Amino acid sequence: MNSQGLDEFAGWVEDLMRRRGYDIDSPRGGGKSRIADEAGVHRAAVTRLLQRQSMPDLETMRRIAPLLGVSVRDMLIRSGRVTPEELPLAADLLPPTDWQPTMEDFARWLGVPDERMGVFVKVVSQFLEPDTAAEADEPRAEPRRTARD
């Protein structure tokens, strides 16, 4: 990462720290030590970031992010280590709400080869609830009565 990217990231983190009440501006404010203690990271890692000397490692980001009220994903993207496309939100991976997957869709998702698709669908269909339309056409058998009834 270039120095401009580090400077922008550090500025963003500083702003988050101030908003969360960490006194990082006065020499005796204790904000740097407090956040390091609460996150369980070395104070030097916090100091190096705020002095624009180095980017925190993944573990430091993972520990500091919750204290700052942001996700690790946001920290990684803001740091320039990944792009939003490289680390999509789970909701971005979901299919449309009106999508009705077919048995073939599930087979492809499971990696069933095309030449075995028909067998897969036939076998799995045996374990599914019968179609309600087909049930309506078939007469229901009365339950068998036993001597106890």
N, C-alpha and C. Protein backbone atom coordinates (compact mmCIF):
# COMPACT_ATOMS: atom_id res chain seq x y z
N MET A 1 0.86 -1.17 0.00
CA MET A 1 0.00 0.00 0.00
C MET A 1 0.89 1.23 0.00
N ASN A 2 0.48 2.24 -0.72
CA ASN A 2 1.27 3.47 -0.78
C ASN A 2 1.00 4.33 0.46
N SER A 3 1.82 5.35 0.62
CA SER A 3 1.70 6.19 1.83
C SER A 3 0.38 6.95 1.86
N GLN A 4 -0.16 7.29 0.69
CA GLN A 4 -1.45 7.99 0.67
C GLN A 4 -2.55 7.06 1.18
N GLY A 5 -2.51 5.79 0.76
CA GLY A 5 -3.50 4.83 1.22
C GLY A 5 -3.40 4.59 2.71
N LEU A 6 -2.18 4.49 3.22
CA LEU A 6 -1.97 4.32 4.65
C LEU A 6 -2.47 5.54 5.41
N ASP A 7 -2.20 6.72 4.88
CA ASP A 7 -2.64 7.96 5.52
C ASP A 7 -4.17 8.04 5.58
N GLU A 8 -4.83 7.67 4.48
CA GLU A 8 -6.30 7.69 4.45
C GLU A 8 -6.88 6.67 5.43
N PHE A 9 -6.31 5.48 5.44
CA PHE A 9 -6.80 4.44 6.35
C PHE A 9 -6.60 4.86 7.80
N ALA A 10 -5.41 5.35 8.13
CA ALA A 10 -5.13 5.78 9.50
C ALA A 10 -6.06 6.92 9.91
N GLY A 11 -6.32 7.84 9.00
CA GLY A 11 -7.26 8.93 9.30
C GLY A 11 -8.66 8.42 9.60
N TRP A 12 -9.09 7.42 8.84
CA TRP A 12 -10.41 6.82 9.05
C TRP A 12 -10.46 6.14 10.42
N VAL A 13 -9.41 5.40 10.76
CA VAL A 13 -9.36 4.71 12.05
C VAL A 13 -9.31 5.72 13.19
N GLU A 14 -8.53 6.78 13.04
CA GLU A 14 -8.48 7.83 14.07
C GLU A 14 -9.86 8.40 14.34
N ASP A 15 -10.58 8.69 13.26
CA ASP A 15 -11.93 9.24 13.40
C ASP A 15 -12.84 8.27 14.15
N LEU A 16 -12.75 7.00 13.82
CA LEU A 16 -13.56 5.99 14.51
C LEU A 16 -13.19 5.92 16.00
N MET A 17 -11.90 5.98 16.28
CA MET A 17 -11.45 5.93 17.68
C MET A 17 -11.98 7.12 18.47
N ARG A 18 -11.90 8.30 17.88
CA ARG A 18 -12.41 9.49 18.57
C ARG A 18 -13.91 9.39 18.81
N ARG A 19 -14.64 8.92 17.80
CA ARG A 19 -16.10 8.78 17.96
C ARG A 19 -16.47 7.78 19.05
N ARG A 20 -15.61 6.80 19.26
CA ARG A 20 -15.86 5.79 20.30
C ARG A 20 -15.32 6.21 21.66
N GLY A 21 -14.79 7.43 21.74
CA GLY A 21 -14.36 7.96 23.04
C GLY A 21 -12.94 7.65 23.44
N TYR A 22 -12.12 7.21 22.52
CA TYR A 22 -10.71 6.96 22.84
C TYR A 22 -9.94 8.27 22.68
N ASP A 23 -9.30 8.73 23.74
CA ASP A 23 -8.51 9.96 23.70
C ASP A 23 -7.14 9.65 23.13
N ILE A 24 -7.02 9.85 21.82
CA ILE A 24 -5.76 9.55 21.14
C ILE A 24 -4.96 10.81 20.84
N ASP A 25 -5.51 11.96 21.21
CA ASP A 25 -4.86 13.23 20.86
C ASP A 25 -3.94 13.77 21.95
N SER A 26 -4.31 13.62 23.21
CA SER A 26 -3.45 14.16 24.27
C SER A 26 -2.43 13.11 24.68
N PRO A 27 -1.21 13.55 25.03
CA PRO A 27 -0.15 12.60 25.36
C PRO A 27 -0.49 11.70 26.54
N ARG A 28 -1.25 12.19 27.47
CA ARG A 28 -1.58 11.40 28.66
C ARG A 28 -3.04 10.92 28.65
N GLY A 29 -3.67 11.00 27.48
CA GLY A 29 -5.07 10.60 27.40
C GLY A 29 -5.29 9.12 27.58
N GLY A 30 -4.31 8.32 27.20
CA GLY A 30 -4.41 6.89 27.39
C GLY A 30 -5.23 6.15 26.37
N GLY A 31 -5.70 6.84 25.33
CA GLY A 31 -6.55 6.19 24.34
C GLY A 31 -5.88 5.07 23.57
N LYS A 32 -4.61 5.29 23.22
CA LYS A 32 -3.88 4.26 22.47
C LYS A 32 -3.69 3.01 23.33
N SER A 33 -3.31 3.23 24.57
CA SER A 33 -3.12 2.08 25.48
C SER A 33 -4.44 1.39 25.76
N ARG A 34 -5.48 2.18 25.95
CA ARG A 34 -6.79 1.61 26.28
C ARG A 34 -7.31 0.74 25.14
N ILE A 35 -7.24 1.24 23.91
CA ILE A 35 -7.74 0.43 22.80
C ILE A 35 -6.88 -0.81 22.60
N ALA A 36 -5.56 -0.66 22.78
CA ALA A 36 -4.68 -1.83 22.65
C ALA A 36 -5.02 -2.87 23.71
N ASP A 37 -5.24 -2.43 24.94
CA ASP A 37 -5.59 -3.35 26.03
C ASP A 37 -6.93 -4.03 25.78
N GLU A 38 -7.93 -3.23 25.39
CA GLU A 38 -9.26 -3.79 25.15
C GLU A 38 -9.28 -4.75 23.97
N ALA A 39 -8.45 -4.48 22.97
CA ALA A 39 -8.40 -5.35 21.79
C ALA A 39 -7.46 -6.54 21.99
N GLY A 40 -6.59 -6.43 22.98
CA GLY A 40 -5.63 -7.50 23.19
C GLY A 40 -4.51 -7.50 22.17
N VAL A 41 -4.11 -6.30 21.75
CA VAL A 41 -3.00 -6.17 20.79
C VAL A 41 -1.90 -5.32 21.42
N HIS A 42 -0.73 -5.32 20.79
CA HIS A 42 0.37 -4.51 21.30
C HIS A 42 0.09 -3.03 21.05
N ARG A 43 0.44 -2.23 22.02
CA ARG A 43 0.27 -0.78 21.88
C ARG A 43 1.07 -0.28 20.69
N ALA A 44 2.22 -0.90 20.44
CA ALA A 44 3.06 -0.48 19.32
C ALA A 44 2.33 -0.60 17.98
N ALA A 45 1.47 -1.60 17.83
CA ALA A 45 0.72 -1.76 16.58
C ALA A 45 -0.23 -0.59 16.37
N VAL A 46 -0.87 -0.15 17.45
CA VAL A 46 -1.77 1.00 17.38
C VAL A 46 -0.96 2.27 17.09
N THR A 47 0.13 2.44 17.79
CA THR A 47 0.98 3.62 17.60
C THR A 47 1.53 3.69 16.18
N ARG A 48 2.03 2.56 15.65
CA ARG A 48 2.58 2.56 14.28
C ARG A 48 1.52 2.95 13.26
N LEU A 49 0.30 2.50 13.46
CA LEU A 49 -0.78 2.87 12.54
C LEU A 49 -1.07 4.36 12.65
N LEU A 50 -1.26 4.86 13.85
CA LEU A 50 -1.62 6.27 14.03
C LEU A 50 -0.49 7.21 13.60
N GLN A 51 0.74 6.74 13.64
CA GLN A 51 1.87 7.54 13.17
C GLN A 51 2.15 7.31 11.69
N ARG A 52 1.27 6.56 11.03
CA ARG A 52 1.38 6.27 9.60
C ARG A 52 2.68 5.55 9.23
N GLN A 53 3.12 4.68 10.12
CA GLN A 53 4.34 3.93 9.87
C GLN A 53 4.07 2.57 9.23
N SER A 54 2.97 1.92 9.63
CA SER A 54 2.66 0.62 9.04
C SER A 54 1.18 0.29 9.20
N MET A 55 0.74 -0.57 8.29
CA MET A 55 -0.64 -1.05 8.30
C MET A 55 -0.74 -2.19 9.32
N PRO A 56 -1.80 -2.23 10.10
CA PRO A 56 -1.95 -3.35 11.04
C PRO A 56 -2.13 -4.67 10.30
N ASP A 57 -1.71 -5.76 10.93
CA ASP A 57 -1.90 -7.07 10.32
C ASP A 57 -3.36 -7.50 10.49
N LEU A 58 -3.71 -8.61 9.87
CA LEU A 58 -5.09 -9.09 9.89
C LEU A 58 -5.59 -9.34 11.31
N GLU A 59 -4.79 -9.95 12.15
CA GLU A 59 -5.22 -10.25 13.51
C GLU A 59 -5.49 -8.96 14.30
N THR A 60 -4.67 -7.95 14.11
CA THR A 60 -4.89 -6.66 14.79
C THR A 60 -6.19 -6.04 14.29
N MET A 61 -6.43 -6.08 13.00
CA MET A 61 -7.69 -5.55 12.45
C MET A 61 -8.88 -6.32 13.01
N ARG A 62 -8.74 -7.64 13.06
CA ARG A 62 -9.83 -8.48 13.56
C ARG A 62 -10.18 -8.13 15.01
N ARG A 63 -9.20 -7.77 15.80
CA ARG A 63 -9.44 -7.48 17.21
C ARG A 63 -9.91 -6.04 17.44
N ILE A 64 -9.46 -5.12 16.60
CA ILE A 64 -9.82 -3.71 16.78
C ILE A 64 -11.19 -3.38 16.18
N ALA A 65 -11.54 -4.03 15.09
CA ALA A 65 -12.78 -3.71 14.37
C ALA A 65 -14.02 -3.66 15.27
N PRO A 66 -14.28 -4.68 16.12
CA PRO A 66 -15.48 -4.61 16.95
C PRO A 66 -15.47 -3.43 17.92
N LEU A 67 -14.31 -3.06 18.41
CA LEU A 67 -14.23 -1.92 19.33
C LEU A 67 -14.57 -0.61 18.63
N LEU A 68 -14.30 -0.57 17.33
CA LEU A 68 -14.56 0.64 16.56
C LEU A 68 -15.95 0.62 15.93
N GLY A 69 -16.67 -0.47 16.09
CA GLY A 69 -18.02 -0.57 15.56
C GLY A 69 -18.09 -0.79 14.06
N VAL A 70 -17.04 -1.42 13.51
CA VAL A 70 -17.03 -1.73 12.09
C VAL A 70 -16.73 -3.20 11.90
N SER A 71 -16.97 -3.69 10.70
CA SER A 71 -16.67 -5.10 10.42
C SER A 71 -15.22 -5.24 9.97
N VAL A 72 -14.70 -6.43 10.09
CA VAL A 72 -13.36 -6.72 9.59
C VAL A 72 -13.35 -6.51 8.08
N ARG A 73 -14.46 -6.85 7.43
CA ARG A 73 -14.58 -6.64 5.99
C ARG A 73 -14.35 -5.17 5.65
N ASP A 74 -15.01 -4.26 6.39
CA ASP A 74 -14.83 -2.83 6.14
C ASP A 74 -13.37 -2.42 6.34
N MET A 75 -12.75 -2.94 7.39
CA MET A 75 -11.35 -2.59 7.64
C MET A 75 -10.45 -3.08 6.50
N LEU A 76 -10.69 -4.30 6.04
CA LEU A 76 -9.86 -4.84 4.97
C LEU A 76 -10.04 -4.05 3.67
N ILE A 77 -11.27 -3.67 3.37
CA ILE A 77 -11.54 -2.90 2.15
C ILE A 77 -10.94 -1.51 2.28
N ARG A 78 -11.17 -0.84 3.41
CA ARG A 78 -10.62 0.50 3.61
C ARG A 78 -9.10 0.50 3.59
N SER A 79 -8.49 -0.60 4.05
CA SER A 79 -7.03 -0.68 4.08
C SER A 79 -6.45 -0.90 2.68
N GLY A 80 -7.30 -1.29 1.74
CA GLY A 80 -6.84 -1.56 0.38
C GLY A 80 -6.34 -2.98 0.18
N ARG A 81 -6.49 -3.80 1.19
CA ARG A 81 -6.00 -5.19 1.06
C ARG A 81 -6.90 -6.03 0.16
N VAL A 82 -8.19 -5.74 0.15
CA VAL A 82 -9.13 -6.44 -0.73
C VAL A 82 -10.11 -5.43 -1.30
N THR A 83 -10.78 -5.82 -2.35
CA THR A 83 -11.84 -4.99 -2.94
C THR A 83 -13.19 -5.55 -2.49
N PRO A 84 -14.24 -4.74 -2.59
CA PRO A 84 -15.57 -5.26 -2.25
C PRO A 84 -15.95 -6.49 -3.08
N GLU A 85 -15.48 -6.56 -4.31
CA GLU A 85 -15.79 -7.70 -5.17
C GLU A 85 -15.08 -8.96 -4.70
N GLU A 86 -13.90 -8.79 -4.11
CA GLU A 86 -13.15 -9.94 -3.62
C GLU A 86 -13.71 -10.48 -2.31
N LEU A 87 -14.45 -9.65 -1.60
CA LEU A 87 -15.01 -10.04 -0.32
C LEU A 87 -16.47 -9.59 -0.25
N PRO A 88 -17.34 -10.24 -1.03
CA PRO A 88 -18.74 -9.80 -1.10
C PRO A 88 -19.49 -10.06 0.21
N LEU A 89 -20.52 -9.28 0.41
CA LEU A 89 -21.41 -9.51 1.55
C LEU A 89 -22.18 -10.79 1.30
N ALA A 90 -22.55 -11.48 2.35
CA ALA A 90 -23.32 -12.72 2.20
C ALA A 90 -24.61 -12.47 1.43
N ALA A 91 -25.25 -11.33 1.67
CA ALA A 91 -26.51 -11.02 0.99
C ALA A 91 -26.29 -10.88 -0.52
N ASP A 92 -25.10 -10.47 -0.94
CA ASP A 92 -24.82 -10.35 -2.37
C ASP A 92 -24.73 -11.70 -3.05
N LEU A 93 -24.52 -12.75 -2.28
CA LEU A 93 -24.37 -14.09 -2.83
C LEU A 93 -25.69 -14.85 -2.89
N LEU A 94 -26.72 -14.31 -2.28
CA LEU A 94 -28.01 -15.00 -2.25
C LEU A 94 -28.72 -14.87 -3.58
N PRO A 95 -29.47 -15.89 -3.96
CA PRO A 95 -30.25 -15.79 -5.20
C PRO A 95 -31.43 -14.84 -5.00
N PRO A 96 -32.06 -14.42 -6.08
CA PRO A 96 -33.23 -13.55 -5.96
C PRO A 96 -34.32 -14.23 -5.13
N THR A 97 -35.11 -13.44 -4.43
CA THR A 97 -36.12 -14.00 -3.53
C THR A 97 -37.21 -14.78 -4.27
N ASP A 98 -37.42 -14.49 -5.54
CA ASP A 98 -38.47 -15.19 -6.28
C ASP A 98 -37.94 -16.44 -7.01
N TRP A 99 -36.69 -16.77 -6.81
CA TRP A 99 -36.09 -17.93 -7.48
C TRP A 99 -36.57 -19.22 -6.84
N GLN A 100 -37.07 -20.13 -7.64
CA GLN A 100 -37.51 -21.44 -7.17
C GLN A 100 -36.55 -22.48 -7.74
N PRO A 101 -35.60 -22.94 -6.94
CA PRO A 101 -34.61 -23.88 -7.47
C PRO A 101 -35.25 -25.21 -7.85
N THR A 102 -34.72 -25.78 -8.89
CA THR A 102 -35.19 -27.09 -9.35
C THR A 102 -34.29 -28.16 -8.77
N MET A 103 -34.70 -29.40 -8.93
CA MET A 103 -33.89 -30.53 -8.49
C MET A 103 -32.56 -30.52 -9.24
N GLU A 104 -32.59 -30.12 -10.50
CA GLU A 104 -31.36 -30.04 -11.30
C GLU A 104 -30.42 -28.96 -10.75
N ASP A 105 -30.98 -27.84 -10.27
CA ASP A 105 -30.15 -26.79 -9.66
C ASP A 105 -29.40 -27.34 -8.45
N PHE A 106 -30.10 -28.09 -7.62
CA PHE A 106 -29.46 -28.68 -6.45
C PHE A 106 -28.39 -29.69 -6.86
N ALA A 107 -28.70 -30.48 -7.89
CA ALA A 107 -27.74 -31.47 -8.36
C ALA A 107 -26.46 -30.79 -8.85
N ARG A 108 -26.62 -29.70 -9.62
CA ARG A 108 -25.44 -28.96 -10.10
C ARG A 108 -24.65 -28.39 -8.92
N TRP A 109 -25.36 -27.85 -7.93
CA TRP A 109 -24.71 -27.28 -6.75
C TRP A 109 -23.91 -28.35 -6.01
N LEU A 110 -24.42 -29.57 -6.00
CA LEU A 110 -23.74 -30.68 -5.33
C LEU A 110 -22.65 -31.32 -6.20
N GLY A 111 -22.59 -30.90 -7.47
CA GLY A 111 -21.55 -31.43 -8.35
C GLY A 111 -21.92 -32.73 -9.03
N VAL A 112 -23.20 -33.03 -9.14
CA VAL A 112 -23.64 -34.26 -9.82
C VAL A 112 -23.34 -34.10 -11.31
N PRO A 113 -22.64 -35.07 -11.91
CA PRO A 113 -22.33 -34.99 -13.35
C PRO A 113 -23.62 -35.03 -14.19
N ASP A 114 -23.59 -34.38 -15.34
CA ASP A 114 -24.77 -34.32 -16.21
C ASP A 114 -25.29 -35.70 -16.57
N GLU A 115 -24.38 -36.65 -16.80
CA GLU A 115 -24.83 -37.99 -17.21
C GLU A 115 -25.54 -38.72 -16.08
N ARG A 116 -25.45 -38.26 -14.85
CA ARG A 116 -26.15 -38.89 -13.72
C ARG A 116 -27.30 -38.05 -13.18
N MET A 117 -27.59 -36.95 -13.85
CA MET A 117 -28.63 -36.03 -13.40
C MET A 117 -29.98 -36.72 -13.29
N GLY A 118 -30.37 -37.49 -14.29
CA GLY A 118 -31.66 -38.16 -14.27
C GLY A 118 -31.80 -39.12 -13.11
N VAL A 119 -30.77 -39.88 -12.83
CA VAL A 119 -30.79 -40.83 -11.72
C VAL A 119 -30.89 -40.07 -10.40
N PHE A 120 -30.12 -39.00 -10.28
CA PHE A 120 -30.17 -38.19 -9.05
C PHE A 120 -31.59 -37.68 -8.79
N VAL A 121 -32.19 -37.08 -9.80
CA VAL A 121 -33.53 -36.51 -9.65
C VAL A 121 -34.53 -37.61 -9.27
N LYS A 122 -34.44 -38.76 -9.91
CA LYS A 122 -35.37 -39.86 -9.64
C LYS A 122 -35.22 -40.37 -8.20
N VAL A 123 -33.98 -40.57 -7.75
CA VAL A 123 -33.75 -41.09 -6.40
C VAL A 123 -34.18 -40.07 -5.34
N VAL A 124 -33.77 -38.83 -5.51
CA VAL A 124 -34.10 -37.81 -4.49
C VAL A 124 -35.60 -37.56 -4.45
N SER A 125 -36.24 -37.61 -5.57
CA SER A 125 -37.69 -37.37 -5.61
C SER A 125 -38.45 -38.38 -4.76
N GLN A 126 -37.92 -39.57 -4.61
CA GLN A 126 -38.58 -40.59 -3.80
C GLN A 126 -38.65 -40.19 -2.32
N PHE A 127 -37.75 -39.31 -1.90
CA PHE A 127 -37.70 -38.93 -0.49
C PHE A 127 -38.47 -37.65 -0.18
N LEU A 128 -39.02 -37.01 -1.21
CA LEU A 128 -39.73 -35.75 -1.01
C LEU A 128 -41.20 -36.00 -0.74
N GLU A 129 -41.84 -35.00 -0.17
CA GLU A 129 -43.28 -35.08 0.08
C GLU A 129 -43.99 -35.23 -1.26
N PRO A 130 -45.02 -36.05 -1.29
CA PRO A 130 -45.77 -36.18 -2.55
C PRO A 130 -46.44 -34.86 -2.91
N ASP A 131 -46.63 -34.66 -4.18
CA ASP A 131 -47.27 -33.46 -4.68
C ASP A 131 -48.70 -33.40 -4.15
N THR A 132 -49.11 -32.26 -3.67
CA THR A 132 -50.46 -32.13 -3.10
C THR A 132 -51.53 -32.35 -4.15
N ALA A 133 -51.25 -32.01 -5.41
CA ALA A 133 -52.24 -32.24 -6.47
C ALA A 133 -52.41 -33.74 -6.69
N ALA A 134 -51.33 -34.47 -6.67
CA ALA A 134 -51.42 -35.91 -6.86
C ALA A 134 -52.14 -36.55 -5.68
N GLU A 135 -51.93 -36.03 -4.49
CA GLU A 135 -52.61 -36.57 -3.31
C GLU A 135 -54.12 -36.36 -3.40
N ALA A 136 -54.53 -35.25 -3.95
CA ALA A 136 -55.96 -34.96 -4.03
C ALA A 136 -56.68 -35.94 -4.94
N ASP A 137 -55.99 -36.45 -5.97
CA ASP A 137 -56.59 -37.39 -6.90
C ASP A 137 -56.69 -38.80 -6.34
N GLU A 138 -55.83 -39.12 -5.37
CA GLU A 138 -55.81 -40.48 -4.84
C GLU A 138 -56.71 -40.58 -3.62
N PRO A 139 -57.50 -41.67 -3.54
CA PRO A 139 -58.32 -41.83 -2.34
C PRO A 139 -57.42 -42.16 -1.15
N ARG A 140 -57.78 -41.65 -0.01
CA ARG A 140 -57.00 -41.91 1.21
C ARG A 140 -57.50 -43.19 1.84
N ALA A 141 -56.57 -44.01 2.24
CA ALA A 141 -56.93 -45.25 2.92
C ALA A 141 -57.25 -44.94 4.37
N GLU A 142 -58.26 -45.63 4.88
CA GLU A 142 -58.60 -45.47 6.30
C GLU A 142 -57.53 -46.16 7.13
N PRO A 143 -57.20 -45.59 8.26
CA PRO A 143 -56.22 -46.26 9.12
C PRO A 143 -56.77 -47.59 9.60
N ARG A 144 -55.88 -48.54 9.73
CA ARG A 144 -56.31 -49.87 10.21
C ARG A 144 -56.67 -49.80 11.67
N ARG A 145 -57.73 -50.48 12.01
CA ARG A 145 -58.16 -50.51 13.40
C ARG A 145 -57.63 -51.78 14.06
N THR A 146 -57.27 -51.65 15.27
CA THR A 146 -56.77 -52.78 16.02
C THR A 146 -57.81 -53.19 17.07
N ALA A 147 -57.54 -54.26 17.75
CA ALA A 147 -58.46 -54.73 18.78
C ALA A 147 -58.59 -53.72 19.91
N ARG A 148 -57.61 -52.91 20.13
CA ARG A 148 -57.67 -51.91 21.21
C ARG A 148 -58.58 -50.76 20.86
N ASP A 149 -58.85 -50.50 19.59
CA ASP A 149 -59.68 -49.34 19.20
C ASP A 149 -61.08 -49.55 19.57
